[in-house]
Amino acid sequence: MLAKLSTRPSVRRCAVTGALGLAMLGAGLPAATADGPGPGLSRFYDQRIIWSACEGMDVPKDLQCGKVTVPLDYDRPKAGTLDVALARYQATGDSRGSVLLNFGGPGGSGVNELSSGGKDFMHLTNGYDVVTFDPRGVGRSSPVTCGPATLDIMEATDGDKKLTDPKDVLRRLRDAAAECAKHSGPVLPHIGTVNAARDMDVMRRALGDDRLNYLGFSYGTRLGAVYAAQFPDKVGRMVLDGVDTLTEPLTEQGLAGARGQQTALENFLDWCVEDIACPFGQDARAARRQVVQLVASLDSDPVPTGFGEPFSGQDMVGAIGQALYSRELWPTLERALAQLLEDGDTRGLEGFVSGGVTFPVRARDAADAGGGLTDQEDVPMDNLPAALMAINCADDPDRPGADRVAASLGRLRARYEEASPVFGRYRLTQVLMCYGRPKGTDFVRDDVKDLDTAKMLLVGTRGDPATPYRWTVETAERLGPSAVVLDNKGEGHTGYASSECVHRKIDDFLLYGTLPPDGSSCGPEASRTSQDDD
C-alpha cells in the first residue's frame, strides 16, 4: 500500500507491514544470460555465506547472521560492491534447502522482522532453513537517508494551507530530493525492485539452492513477481500473499489504499459500537462522524505526547491505519482511542506505530569479515521512510511536470477525500513524493507478464485494507497459467498470520509441493478457527 510517512520518530523506526513498491531507477534491465549469471558476475555467484550467531539485546539465541556481496551496478560489476545483511533459522531436521522471506514494505528490515516475529515461521524449519534479508538501501545494507530533508518532505505536504500552494510544495519537494541524493551516497541510483530481485538470485546461489523457494508479503509479492520475470527457470516453490498491483500508477494505488482503509475503519466501528465500552457510543453513523471530527480537531490543536512532541490528527490516522491491518488488534485500538478521548493519553495509539520497533541485530566479526554492513546503531533514524520513498519512486515511470501536477492537485485531492474522509489526505501525499527524482523503470509495468515458470501460489484476502483482492485476480491473469489463486474470505492485510487455513495451505505447498486448486478458498475465521469451502 501507499503510506503517508509520519514525522514522528516512533514511526520512522517502525517496520512497515503493508506497502507498495515497483522497480529501480533507470530504463534498462541488466540481463542475465540463459546459462549463467551474466558477464563479470561469476565472482558474486561463486561466494558462500559464513553464518554465525547474531548479537544484540534480546535477539533469539538460535538466529544466525551472515551476508552476501553484490555489485552496486549490475551493468558495471567492477564499479563497486555492497553487502546485503542476512539472517536465518536453520532447519530442525534434514534440510531441502532454503526458503527466502520478504515481509513487505518497502523499507522495513527483514532481519529485524524475523528476529521479532520468527515464531510464525518455525513450522517451515521442518524442511527449510528460513532466511531473510535487508534489501539494498534498507537496514544494515547500505541504508539510504535524506537527513533533515525527511522532515522537510513531510512538512511540505502537511496541512490544508500548504496544499493550496502547489508550486511551493513542489519546490520544497525538489529541494528535498536533492538532499536525499546527497545524504544517501552511491546506492541511491541503484536502489529498487529490479536490482533487489537480482540480489535475490545471488543469494539463491550463495545459499546453495538450484531454485528459489520464496514467501513474499505485500510489496514482497511484487519483488517475487519481478524475480520470476527475470529468472523464470530459477523459480522453485513461490508464494505471494497480499498481492500487489503490477500495472496501476501511484495515484490509483493511493486511491485503492484510501478506499480499503476506509472500509476497514467502518468495519471496525460497526464492531466497536456493539460494545458498551466503545468511546464513540453505540451508533455507527455517529461514530464515523466523530472520527472525522476528531482528526480535524487534532490537526488544528495537537495534543502533547509524553515526549513533548505534538500528536496531530494525521498522526492518529497513521496509528489507526496500522491497527486496521489485523482484526486481532481491534480491541487494543478501541482501548487506545478511549484513552485519547477520555484522558488525552496518546500512548496507546503511539504503540501501533512504534510497535514495529525490533531488536538490534548485528553479526559477529566472523560473519562481518570484509566489511560493508552498517552497524545497527548507525542505521539512520529516517531509513524506513527514506527507503520507502526511494524504492517507490525508483519503481514508478511516471514523472508529470510541475504545471501538470499543480493543475491536477485540486482534482486529485477531491478524489482522495471522496474515497476516504479520514485517510484521503493522508494518502494523497504519496503522489507528490517522487517529484524531483529521476524517472523510474517501466520494467514492472511493461514486462512482468506471461511468465513461463513453475506454478506459483497467489493469496488474496477479501477484506485486505492495503492490497485489494482484485489485484490478486488481475496479477494472476497478467502472470498467466503459472499463477494459482487462493481466495481468503477474511479480514486484514495478508492471510498467513491471520488465517489458519491459509497458513496450512501455504506450508503444505512450500514443504510438500501440494497446491490447492486454482480458485479454491479459505472461509472467514472466528476465534482463529478455519473453515475451508473449496
Protein backbone atom coordinates (compact mmCIF):
# COMPACT_ATOMS: atom_id res chain seq x y z
CA MET A 1 0.00 0.00 0.00
CA LEU A 2 0.98 3.64 -0.24
CA ALA A 3 1.61 5.02 3.20
CA LYS A 4 1.84 8.61 4.35
CA LEU A 5 5.08 8.89 6.26
CA SER A 6 4.92 10.40 9.71
CA THR A 7 7.45 12.86 11.03
CA ARG A 8 7.31 11.16 14.40
CA PRO A 9 10.49 9.29 15.42
CA SER A 10 8.46 6.29 16.57
CA VAL A 11 7.05 5.88 13.08
CA ARG A 12 10.43 6.25 11.48
CA ARG A 13 11.62 3.25 13.50
CA CYS A 14 8.62 1.05 12.82
CA ALA A 15 8.66 -1.84 10.38
CA VAL A 16 6.21 -1.27 7.56
CA THR A 17 3.76 -4.17 7.34
CA GLY A 18 1.90 -3.16 4.27
CA ALA A 19 3.18 -1.33 1.29
CA LEU A 20 3.59 -0.91 -2.42
CA GLY A 21 6.74 -0.54 -4.44
CA LEU A 22 7.61 -1.17 -8.05
CA ALA A 23 11.20 -1.35 -9.59
CA MET A 24 14.53 0.57 -9.98
CA LEU A 25 15.98 3.80 -11.34
CA GLY A 26 16.95 3.80 -14.98
CA ALA A 27 15.16 2.44 -18.01
CA GLY A 28 17.26 -0.63 -18.70
CA LEU A 29 17.11 -4.10 -17.20
CA PRO A 30 20.52 -5.77 -16.68
CA ALA A 31 20.12 -9.10 -18.42
CA ALA A 32 21.28 -12.45 -17.10
CA THR A 33 22.26 -15.00 -19.71
CA ALA A 34 20.24 -18.17 -20.14
CA ASP A 35 23.07 -20.40 -18.91
CA GLY A 36 24.83 -18.17 -16.41
CA PRO A 37 24.70 -15.09 -14.24
CA GLY A 38 25.91 -12.67 -16.90
CA PRO A 39 29.31 -11.22 -17.82
CA GLY A 40 31.57 -10.29 -14.93
CA LEU A 41 29.25 -11.71 -12.25
CA SER A 42 30.83 -15.11 -11.60
CA ARG A 43 32.71 -13.96 -8.50
CA PHE A 44 29.43 -12.93 -6.88
CA TYR A 45 27.72 -16.20 -7.79
CA ASP A 46 30.65 -18.28 -6.55
CA GLN A 47 30.59 -16.96 -2.95
CA ARG A 48 29.31 -18.86 0.06
CA ILE A 49 27.77 -17.41 3.21
CA ILE A 50 29.55 -17.56 6.55
CA TRP A 51 26.93 -17.89 9.28
CA SER A 52 27.40 -17.13 12.96
CA ALA A 53 25.25 -16.21 15.96
CA CYS A 54 23.67 -12.76 15.83
CA GLU A 55 24.44 -10.24 18.54
CA GLY A 56 22.04 -7.81 20.11
CA MET A 57 19.73 -7.30 23.04
CA ASP A 58 17.04 -10.00 23.22
CA VAL A 59 17.93 -11.49 19.84
CA PRO A 60 16.89 -15.16 19.76
CA LYS A 61 19.90 -17.34 20.51
CA ASP A 62 19.27 -19.63 17.53
CA LEU A 63 19.08 -16.80 14.98
CA GLN A 64 22.17 -16.69 12.76
CA CYS A 65 23.51 -13.76 10.74
CA GLY A 66 25.55 -13.51 7.56
CA LYS A 67 25.89 -11.50 4.36
CA VAL A 68 26.36 -11.68 0.62
CA THR A 69 28.30 -9.24 -1.53
CA VAL A 70 26.57 -7.94 -4.66
CA PRO A 71 27.57 -5.47 -7.37
CA LEU A 72 26.41 -1.92 -6.88
CA ASP A 73 25.61 -1.73 -10.60
CA TYR A 74 24.87 -4.97 -12.45
CA ASP A 75 25.71 -3.29 -15.76
CA ARG A 76 29.18 -2.44 -14.41
CA PRO A 77 30.05 -5.17 -11.87
CA LYS A 78 33.58 -3.81 -11.37
CA ALA A 79 32.32 -0.36 -10.38
CA GLY A 80 31.78 -1.17 -6.71
CA THR A 81 30.02 -3.55 -4.35
CA LEU A 82 27.74 -3.54 -1.34
CA ASP A 83 26.95 -6.14 1.32
CA VAL A 84 23.42 -7.40 1.95
CA ALA A 85 22.59 -8.44 5.53
CA LEU A 86 21.03 -11.89 6.02
CA ALA A 87 19.54 -13.83 8.92
CA ARG A 88 18.28 -17.39 9.21
CA TYR A 89 16.79 -20.07 11.41
CA GLN A 90 18.33 -23.41 10.50
CA ALA A 91 16.21 -26.40 9.59
CA THR A 92 15.49 -28.62 12.57
CA GLY A 93 15.93 -31.86 10.60
CA ASP A 94 17.08 -32.74 7.13
CA SER A 95 17.09 -29.56 5.07
CA ARG A 96 15.95 -29.49 1.45
CA GLY A 97 17.49 -26.02 1.11
CA SER A 98 16.26 -22.55 1.99
CA VAL A 99 13.06 -20.56 1.78
CA LEU A 100 13.65 -16.81 1.41
CA LEU A 101 11.21 -14.39 3.08
CA ASN A 102 10.38 -10.78 2.31
CA PHE A 103 7.96 -9.16 4.75
CA GLY A 104 6.90 -6.23 2.59
CA GLY A 105 7.45 -2.53 2.96
CA PRO A 106 9.32 -1.35 1.07
CA GLY A 107 11.73 -0.01 3.66
CA GLY A 108 11.42 -2.48 6.52
CA SER A 109 14.31 -4.62 7.74
CA GLY A 110 13.73 -8.32 7.09
CA VAL A 111 16.43 -9.24 9.60
CA ASN A 112 14.71 -7.31 12.39
CA GLU A 113 11.32 -8.68 11.41
CA LEU A 114 12.50 -12.30 11.55
CA SER A 115 14.19 -11.60 14.87
CA SER A 116 10.98 -10.36 16.47
CA GLY A 117 8.36 -12.43 14.64
CA GLY A 118 10.14 -15.63 13.71
CA LYS A 119 7.81 -17.91 15.66
CA ASP A 120 5.20 -17.64 12.89
CA PHE A 121 7.59 -19.41 10.52
CA MET A 122 9.00 -22.15 12.72
CA HIS A 123 6.90 -24.86 11.07
CA LEU A 124 8.83 -24.21 7.86
CA THR A 125 12.06 -25.21 9.60
CA ASN A 126 10.76 -28.80 9.38
CA GLY A 127 12.17 -28.76 5.88
CA TYR A 128 13.98 -25.50 5.23
CA ASP A 129 16.48 -23.03 6.52
CA VAL A 130 14.24 -19.95 6.91
CA VAL A 131 16.19 -16.96 5.56
CA THR A 132 15.52 -13.26 5.19
CA PHE A 133 17.48 -10.13 4.30
CA ASP A 134 17.67 -6.35 4.41
CA PRO A 135 17.26 -5.26 0.77
CA ARG A 136 19.80 -2.84 -0.65
CA GLY A 137 19.27 0.62 0.82
CA VAL A 138 17.46 -0.79 3.87
CA GLY A 139 18.62 -1.51 7.42
CA ARG A 140 22.21 -2.68 7.53
CA SER A 141 22.51 -2.99 3.72
CA SER A 142 23.88 0.45 2.73
CA PRO A 143 20.89 2.33 4.24
CA VAL A 144 19.65 5.41 2.41
CA THR A 145 18.76 8.59 4.26
CA CYS A 146 17.50 12.07 3.50
CA GLY A 147 18.93 13.60 6.64
CA PRO A 148 16.94 16.68 7.75
CA ALA A 149 15.13 16.65 4.38
CA THR A 150 12.85 13.81 5.56
CA LEU A 151 11.04 16.25 7.84
CA ASP A 152 11.01 18.86 5.06
CA ILE A 153 9.21 16.41 2.76
CA MET A 154 6.54 15.67 5.36
CA GLU A 155 6.08 19.28 6.41
CA ALA A 156 5.80 20.44 2.80
CA THR A 157 2.58 18.48 2.40
CA ASP A 158 1.11 18.70 5.90
CA GLY A 159 -1.93 20.90 6.37
CA ASP A 160 -4.62 22.34 4.15
CA LYS A 161 -2.93 25.69 3.55
CA LYS A 162 0.23 24.16 2.15
CA LEU A 163 -1.66 22.03 -0.37
CA THR A 164 -3.33 25.17 -1.74
CA ASP A 165 0.08 26.46 -2.91
CA PRO A 166 1.23 23.52 -5.06
CA LYS A 167 4.16 25.32 -6.68
CA ASP A 168 5.72 25.99 -3.29
CA VAL A 169 5.12 22.36 -2.30
CA LEU A 170 6.83 21.12 -5.47
CA ARG A 171 9.78 23.45 -4.99
CA ARG A 172 10.32 22.12 -1.48
CA LEU A 173 10.00 18.52 -2.67
CA ARG A 174 12.55 19.11 -5.43
CA ASP A 175 15.00 20.61 -2.96
CA ALA A 176 14.42 17.71 -0.58
CA ALA A 177 15.07 15.17 -3.35
CA ALA A 178 18.48 16.77 -3.94
CA GLU A 179 19.24 16.46 -0.22
CA CYS A 180 18.25 12.77 -0.26
CA ALA A 181 20.69 12.14 -3.10
CA LYS A 182 23.45 13.96 -1.24
CA HIS A 183 22.96 12.06 2.02
CA SER A 184 22.33 8.57 0.61
CA GLY A 185 25.53 8.08 -1.34
CA PRO A 186 26.18 5.80 -4.32
CA VAL A 187 23.49 3.21 -3.56
CA LEU A 188 20.56 5.54 -4.29
CA PRO A 189 20.73 5.41 -8.13
CA HIS A 190 20.80 1.59 -7.88
CA ILE A 191 18.01 1.02 -5.40
CA GLY A 192 14.69 -0.57 -6.37
CA THR A 193 12.94 -3.86 -7.04
CA VAL A 194 14.73 -4.88 -10.24
CA ASN A 195 18.14 -4.77 -8.55
CA ALA A 196 16.76 -6.26 -5.31
CA ALA A 197 15.47 -9.21 -7.34
CA ARG A 198 18.89 -9.66 -8.93
CA ASP A 199 20.39 -9.64 -5.44
CA MET A 200 18.00 -12.45 -4.52
CA ASP A 201 19.42 -14.60 -7.29
CA VAL A 202 22.92 -14.09 -5.90
CA MET A 203 21.52 -15.13 -2.51
CA ARG A 204 19.92 -18.22 -4.02
CA ARG A 205 23.23 -19.36 -5.44
CA ALA A 206 25.17 -18.46 -2.27
CA LEU A 207 22.65 -20.49 -0.24
CA GLY A 208 23.39 -23.47 -2.46
CA ASP A 209 19.89 -23.71 -4.00
CA ASP A 210 19.24 -24.57 -7.64
CA ARG A 211 15.86 -22.83 -7.48
CA LEU A 212 14.48 -20.04 -5.32
CA ASN A 213 11.82 -21.04 -2.79
CA TYR A 214 10.17 -17.83 -1.68
CA LEU A 215 7.43 -16.39 0.55
CA GLY A 216 6.69 -12.72 -0.03
CA PHE A 217 4.10 -10.47 1.61
CA SER A 218 2.54 -7.28 0.21
CA TYR A 219 5.40 -5.39 -1.52
CA GLY A 220 7.27 -8.71 -1.34
CA THR A 221 4.79 -10.11 -3.88
CA ARG A 222 5.93 -7.53 -6.41
CA LEU A 223 9.54 -8.42 -5.64
CA GLY A 224 8.76 -12.10 -6.20
CA ALA A 225 6.98 -11.41 -9.49
CA VAL A 226 9.89 -9.32 -10.74
CA TYR A 227 12.29 -12.14 -9.80
CA ALA A 228 10.14 -14.65 -11.69
CA ALA A 229 10.17 -12.44 -14.79
CA GLN A 230 13.96 -12.10 -14.66
CA PHE A 231 14.80 -15.70 -13.75
CA PRO A 232 11.86 -17.87 -14.85
CA ASP A 233 13.90 -21.09 -14.88
CA LYS A 234 15.08 -20.49 -11.29
CA VAL A 235 11.60 -20.28 -9.72
CA GLY A 236 11.02 -23.01 -7.16
CA ARG A 237 8.05 -23.00 -4.77
CA MET A 238 6.94 -19.37 -4.72
CA VAL A 239 4.11 -17.89 -2.61
CA LEU A 240 2.82 -14.32 -2.96
CA ASP A 241 0.50 -13.28 -0.10
CA GLY A 242 -1.31 -9.91 -0.19
CA VAL A 243 -0.75 -9.47 -3.92
CA ASP A 244 0.40 -6.10 -5.20
CA THR A 245 -0.55 -4.48 -8.49
CA LEU A 246 1.81 -4.68 -11.44
CA THR A 247 0.18 -2.00 -13.56
CA GLU A 248 -1.59 0.75 -11.63
CA PRO A 249 0.16 4.13 -11.29
CA LEU A 250 0.86 5.56 -7.85
CA THR A 251 -2.20 7.80 -8.00
CA GLU A 252 -4.53 4.82 -8.40
CA GLN A 253 -2.64 2.78 -5.82
CA GLY A 254 -3.14 5.56 -3.30
CA LEU A 255 -6.86 5.72 -4.03
CA ALA A 256 -7.16 1.95 -3.59
CA GLY A 257 -5.40 2.22 -0.25
CA ALA A 258 -7.67 5.05 0.90
CA ARG A 259 -10.81 3.11 -0.05
CA GLY A 260 -9.54 -0.08 1.55
CA GLN A 261 -8.68 1.57 4.83
CA GLN A 262 -11.95 3.49 4.91
CA THR A 263 -13.82 0.20 4.55
CA ALA A 264 -11.68 -1.38 7.27
CA LEU A 265 -12.35 1.60 9.56
CA GLU A 266 -16.09 1.34 9.01
CA ASN A 267 -15.96 -2.39 9.75
CA PHE A 268 -14.07 -1.64 12.96
CA LEU A 269 -16.60 0.99 14.01
CA ASP A 270 -19.52 -1.36 13.28
CA TRP A 271 -17.84 -3.83 15.63
CA CYS A 272 -16.96 -1.17 18.21
CA VAL A 273 -20.46 0.23 18.67
CA GLU A 274 -21.71 -3.23 19.67
CA ASP A 275 -19.54 -2.89 22.79
CA ILE A 276 -20.73 -0.73 25.65
CA ALA A 277 -17.13 0.42 26.14
CA CYS A 278 -16.85 1.87 22.63
CA PRO A 279 -15.66 5.50 23.07
CA PHE A 280 -17.86 6.64 20.15
CA GLY A 281 -21.12 5.37 21.57
CA GLN A 282 -23.48 2.81 20.06
CA ASP A 283 -24.45 4.41 16.74
CA ALA A 284 -22.20 3.54 13.78
CA ARG A 285 -23.05 6.60 11.66
CA ALA A 286 -22.41 8.94 14.57
CA ALA A 287 -19.15 7.13 15.29
CA ARG A 288 -17.92 7.74 11.74
CA ARG A 289 -18.70 11.45 12.05
CA GLN A 290 -16.89 11.59 15.39
CA VAL A 291 -13.72 10.09 13.92
CA VAL A 292 -13.65 12.69 11.13
CA GLN A 293 -14.22 15.47 13.67
CA LEU A 294 -11.50 14.11 15.96
CA VAL A 295 -8.95 14.08 13.13
CA ALA A 296 -9.79 17.68 12.23
CA SER A 297 -9.66 18.77 15.87
CA LEU A 298 -6.25 17.23 16.46
CA ASP A 299 -4.88 18.69 13.23
CA SER A 300 -6.00 22.13 14.42
CA ASP A 301 -4.91 21.65 18.01
CA PRO A 302 -2.49 18.72 18.52
CA VAL A 303 -2.11 17.26 22.00
CA PRO A 304 1.34 16.77 23.58
CA THR A 305 2.82 13.32 23.93
CA GLY A 306 4.88 12.04 26.82
CA PHE A 307 7.98 13.16 24.92
CA GLY A 308 6.63 16.66 24.46
CA GLU A 309 6.02 16.28 20.72
CA PRO A 310 2.62 17.26 19.27
CA PHE A 311 0.28 14.42 18.31
CA SER A 312 -1.80 15.56 15.34
CA GLY A 313 -4.83 14.20 13.57
CA GLN A 314 -2.61 12.82 10.83
CA ASP A 315 -0.54 11.02 13.48
CA MET A 316 -3.78 9.47 14.70
CA VAL A 317 -4.74 8.47 11.16
CA GLY A 318 -1.37 6.75 10.75
CA ALA A 319 -1.82 4.85 14.00
CA ILE A 320 -5.35 3.73 13.13
CA GLY A 321 -4.16 2.66 9.69
CA GLN A 322 -1.55 0.36 11.23
CA ALA A 323 -4.09 -1.11 13.67
CA LEU A 324 -6.55 -1.90 10.89
CA TYR A 325 -4.13 -4.34 9.27
CA SER A 326 -5.29 -7.05 11.67
CA ARG A 327 -8.71 -7.70 13.18
CA GLU A 328 -6.97 -9.09 16.25
CA LEU A 329 -5.82 -5.53 17.04
CA TRP A 330 -9.34 -4.09 17.18
CA PRO A 331 -9.82 -4.45 20.97
CA THR A 332 -6.46 -2.75 21.56
CA LEU A 333 -7.38 0.04 19.13
CA GLU A 334 -10.69 0.54 20.93
CA ARG A 335 -8.88 0.96 24.26
CA ALA A 336 -6.28 3.30 22.75
CA LEU A 337 -8.96 5.57 21.29
CA ALA A 338 -10.78 5.58 24.62
CA GLN A 339 -7.55 6.66 26.36
CA LEU A 340 -7.18 9.54 23.91
CA LEU A 341 -10.78 10.73 24.19
CA GLU A 342 -11.11 10.34 27.94
CA ASP A 343 -7.67 11.36 29.19
CA GLY A 344 -5.82 12.91 26.25
CA ASP A 345 -3.40 9.99 26.55
CA THR A 346 -1.72 9.20 23.20
CA ARG A 347 0.44 6.30 24.39
CA GLY A 348 -1.95 3.60 23.24
CA LEU A 349 -2.12 4.98 19.71
CA GLU A 350 1.61 5.62 19.62
CA GLY A 351 2.08 1.94 20.39
CA PHE A 352 0.70 0.99 16.97
CA VAL A 353 3.31 3.00 15.11
CA SER A 354 6.16 2.19 17.47
CA GLY A 355 5.20 -1.44 17.97
CA GLY A 356 7.19 -2.40 14.92
CA VAL A 357 10.43 -1.41 16.61
CA THR A 358 12.51 -4.55 16.57
CA PHE A 359 15.71 -5.64 18.19
CA PRO A 360 19.15 -4.50 17.05
CA VAL A 361 20.82 -7.35 15.21
CA ARG A 362 24.50 -7.45 14.41
CA ALA A 363 26.69 -10.24 13.08
CA ARG A 364 29.83 -11.22 14.90
CA ASP A 365 33.22 -10.39 13.43
CA ALA A 366 33.50 -13.76 11.66
CA ALA A 367 30.36 -13.12 9.66
CA ASP A 368 31.28 -9.49 9.08
CA ALA A 369 34.66 -10.19 7.52
CA GLY A 370 35.30 -7.84 4.62
CA GLY A 371 33.13 -5.01 5.93
CA GLY A 372 30.32 -3.27 4.14
CA LEU A 373 27.43 -3.82 6.54
CA THR A 374 26.27 -0.86 8.60
CA ASP A 375 26.24 -1.33 12.36
CA GLN A 376 22.70 -1.40 13.70
CA GLU A 377 23.28 1.62 15.90
CA ASP A 378 24.42 3.58 12.84
CA VAL A 379 21.33 2.93 10.71
CA PRO A 380 19.80 6.40 10.12
CA MET A 381 16.62 7.10 12.04
CA ASP A 382 14.83 8.06 8.83
CA ASN A 383 15.93 4.98 6.87
CA LEU A 384 12.45 3.48 6.75
CA PRO A 385 10.64 6.47 5.14
CA ALA A 386 13.70 7.34 3.04
CA ALA A 387 13.89 3.80 1.64
CA LEU A 388 10.13 3.62 1.11
CA MET A 389 10.20 6.82 -0.94
CA ALA A 390 13.32 5.83 -2.86
CA ILE A 391 12.04 2.38 -3.84
CA ASN A 392 8.53 3.55 -4.71
CA CYS A 393 9.95 6.32 -6.88
CA ALA A 394 12.58 4.09 -8.47
CA ASP A 395 9.76 1.72 -9.39
CA ASP A 396 7.46 4.32 -10.93
CA PRO A 397 7.99 5.56 -14.51
CA ASP A 398 5.51 8.45 -14.27
CA ARG A 399 7.02 11.92 -13.80
CA PRO A 400 4.49 14.60 -14.74
CA GLY A 401 5.85 18.13 -14.91
CA ALA A 402 5.23 20.86 -12.35
CA ASP A 403 2.46 22.56 -14.34
CA ARG A 404 0.56 19.31 -14.76
CA VAL A 405 0.90 18.40 -11.08
CA ALA A 406 -0.14 21.86 -9.94
CA ALA A 407 -3.15 21.88 -12.25
CA SER A 408 -4.36 18.45 -11.17
CA LEU A 409 -3.75 18.71 -7.41
CA GLY A 410 -7.15 20.10 -6.54
CA ARG A 411 -8.96 17.47 -8.57
CA LEU A 412 -6.81 14.71 -7.08
CA ARG A 413 -7.45 15.96 -3.58
CA ALA A 414 -11.21 15.85 -4.18
CA ARG A 415 -10.96 12.24 -5.43
CA TYR A 416 -8.93 11.17 -2.41
CA GLU A 417 -11.24 12.84 0.08
CA GLU A 418 -14.23 11.24 -1.64
CA ALA A 419 -12.52 7.85 -1.36
CA SER A 420 -11.95 8.39 2.37
CA PRO A 421 -12.75 11.40 4.54
CA VAL A 422 -10.28 10.01 7.09
CA PHE A 423 -7.40 8.58 5.04
CA GLY A 424 -7.73 10.61 1.82
CA ARG A 425 -5.36 13.50 2.55
CA TYR A 426 -3.02 11.13 4.33
CA ARG A 427 -2.71 9.09 1.10
CA LEU A 428 -2.61 11.99 -1.33
CA THR A 429 0.87 12.96 -0.19
CA GLN A 430 2.28 9.84 -1.84
CA VAL A 431 1.53 11.03 -5.36
CA LEU A 432 3.80 14.02 -4.74
CA MET A 433 6.73 12.17 -3.18
CA CYS A 434 8.54 11.34 -6.42
CA TYR A 435 8.62 14.87 -7.75
CA GLY A 436 12.20 16.00 -8.33
CA ARG A 437 13.56 12.44 -8.51
CA PRO A 438 14.78 10.67 -11.66
CA LYS A 439 12.22 8.74 -13.65
CA GLY A 440 11.89 5.11 -12.56
CA THR A 441 11.91 1.94 -14.61
CA ASP A 442 9.00 0.80 -16.74
CA PHE A 443 10.06 -2.87 -16.50
CA VAL A 444 7.41 -3.91 -13.98
CA ARG A 445 4.54 -2.28 -15.82
CA ASP A 446 5.60 -3.46 -19.28
CA ASP A 447 7.47 -6.74 -18.90
CA VAL A 448 6.31 -8.69 -15.83
CA LYS A 449 3.66 -10.74 -17.63
CA ASP A 450 3.01 -14.04 -19.42
CA LEU A 451 5.56 -15.92 -17.33
CA ASP A 452 6.73 -19.44 -18.13
CA THR A 453 7.62 -20.63 -14.64
CA ALA A 454 6.80 -23.34 -12.13
CA LYS A 455 3.39 -22.93 -10.50
CA MET A 456 3.14 -20.03 -8.02
CA LEU A 457 0.56 -19.65 -5.23
CA LEU A 458 -1.11 -16.22 -5.01
CA VAL A 459 -3.16 -15.44 -1.89
CA GLY A 460 -5.68 -12.60 -1.84
CA THR A 461 -7.72 -11.56 1.20
CA ARG A 462 -11.20 -10.16 0.59
CA GLY A 463 -11.04 -7.67 3.46
CA ASP A 464 -7.44 -6.57 2.92
CA PRO A 465 -7.20 -2.79 3.52
CA ALA A 466 -3.89 -2.40 1.69
CA THR A 467 -3.85 -4.78 -1.28
CA PRO A 468 -7.42 -5.21 -2.58
CA TYR A 469 -8.48 -8.68 -3.67
CA ARG A 470 -8.96 -7.54 -7.28
CA TRP A 471 -5.20 -7.02 -7.50
CA THR A 472 -4.72 -10.73 -6.84
CA VAL A 473 -7.06 -11.60 -9.71
CA GLU A 474 -5.54 -9.03 -12.06
CA THR A 475 -1.96 -10.04 -11.24
CA ALA A 476 -2.77 -13.72 -11.68
CA GLU A 477 -4.25 -13.03 -15.11
CA ARG A 478 -1.20 -11.00 -16.05
CA LEU A 479 1.30 -13.61 -14.88
CA GLY A 480 -0.51 -16.32 -16.82
CA PRO A 481 -1.17 -20.05 -16.27
CA SER A 482 1.63 -20.35 -13.70
CA ALA A 483 -0.45 -18.42 -11.15
CA VAL A 484 -2.75 -20.36 -8.80
CA VAL A 485 -5.14 -18.22 -6.74
CA LEU A 486 -6.26 -18.91 -3.17
CA ASP A 487 -9.24 -16.76 -2.11
CA ASN A 488 -9.07 -15.88 1.60
CA LYS A 489 -12.55 -14.74 2.63
CA GLY A 490 -11.26 -12.99 5.74
CA GLU A 491 -10.13 -9.62 7.04
CA GLY A 492 -6.75 -7.97 7.48
CA HIS A 493 -3.61 -7.45 5.45
CA THR A 494 -2.29 -10.78 4.08
CA GLY A 495 -3.54 -14.20 5.18
CA TYR A 496 -0.62 -16.22 6.53
CA ALA A 497 -0.68 -14.80 10.06
CA SER A 498 -4.46 -14.33 10.38
CA SER A 499 -5.92 -17.49 8.83
CA GLU A 500 -5.00 -20.98 9.95
CA CYS A 501 -6.42 -22.28 6.67
CA VAL A 502 -4.16 -20.02 4.61
CA HIS A 503 -1.22 -20.78 6.88
CA ARG A 504 -1.71 -24.51 6.39
CA LYS A 505 -2.13 -24.33 2.60
CA ILE A 506 1.00 -22.18 2.21
CA ASP A 507 3.04 -24.52 4.41
CA ASP A 508 1.73 -27.57 2.52
CA PHE A 509 2.87 -26.05 -0.75
CA LEU A 510 6.28 -24.92 0.48
CA LEU A 511 7.03 -28.12 2.41
CA TYR A 512 5.37 -30.78 0.28
CA GLY A 513 4.60 -29.17 -3.07
CA THR A 514 0.84 -29.59 -2.54
CA LEU A 515 -1.05 -26.81 -4.31
CA PRO A 516 -4.73 -26.05 -3.66
CA PRO A 517 -6.92 -25.99 -6.79
CA ASP A 518 -6.94 -22.67 -8.60
CA GLY A 519 -9.84 -20.58 -7.29
CA SER A 520 -10.24 -22.52 -4.04
CA SER A 521 -10.88 -20.60 -0.85
CA CYS A 522 -10.45 -20.32 2.87
CA GLY A 523 -13.54 -19.24 4.81
CA PRO A 524 -13.71 -16.39 7.31
CA GLU A 525 -12.43 -17.38 10.71
CA ALA A 526 -13.78 -16.73 14.18
CA SER A 527 -11.56 -17.22 17.19
CA ARG A 528 -8.69 -18.34 14.97
CA THR A 529 -10.54 -21.38 13.57
CA SER A 530 -10.62 -22.12 9.88
CA GLN A 531 -13.27 -23.45 7.57
CA ASP A 532 -12.47 -24.45 4.02
CA ASP A 533 -15.12 -24.03 1.36
CA ASP A 534 -13.21 -25.36 -1.60
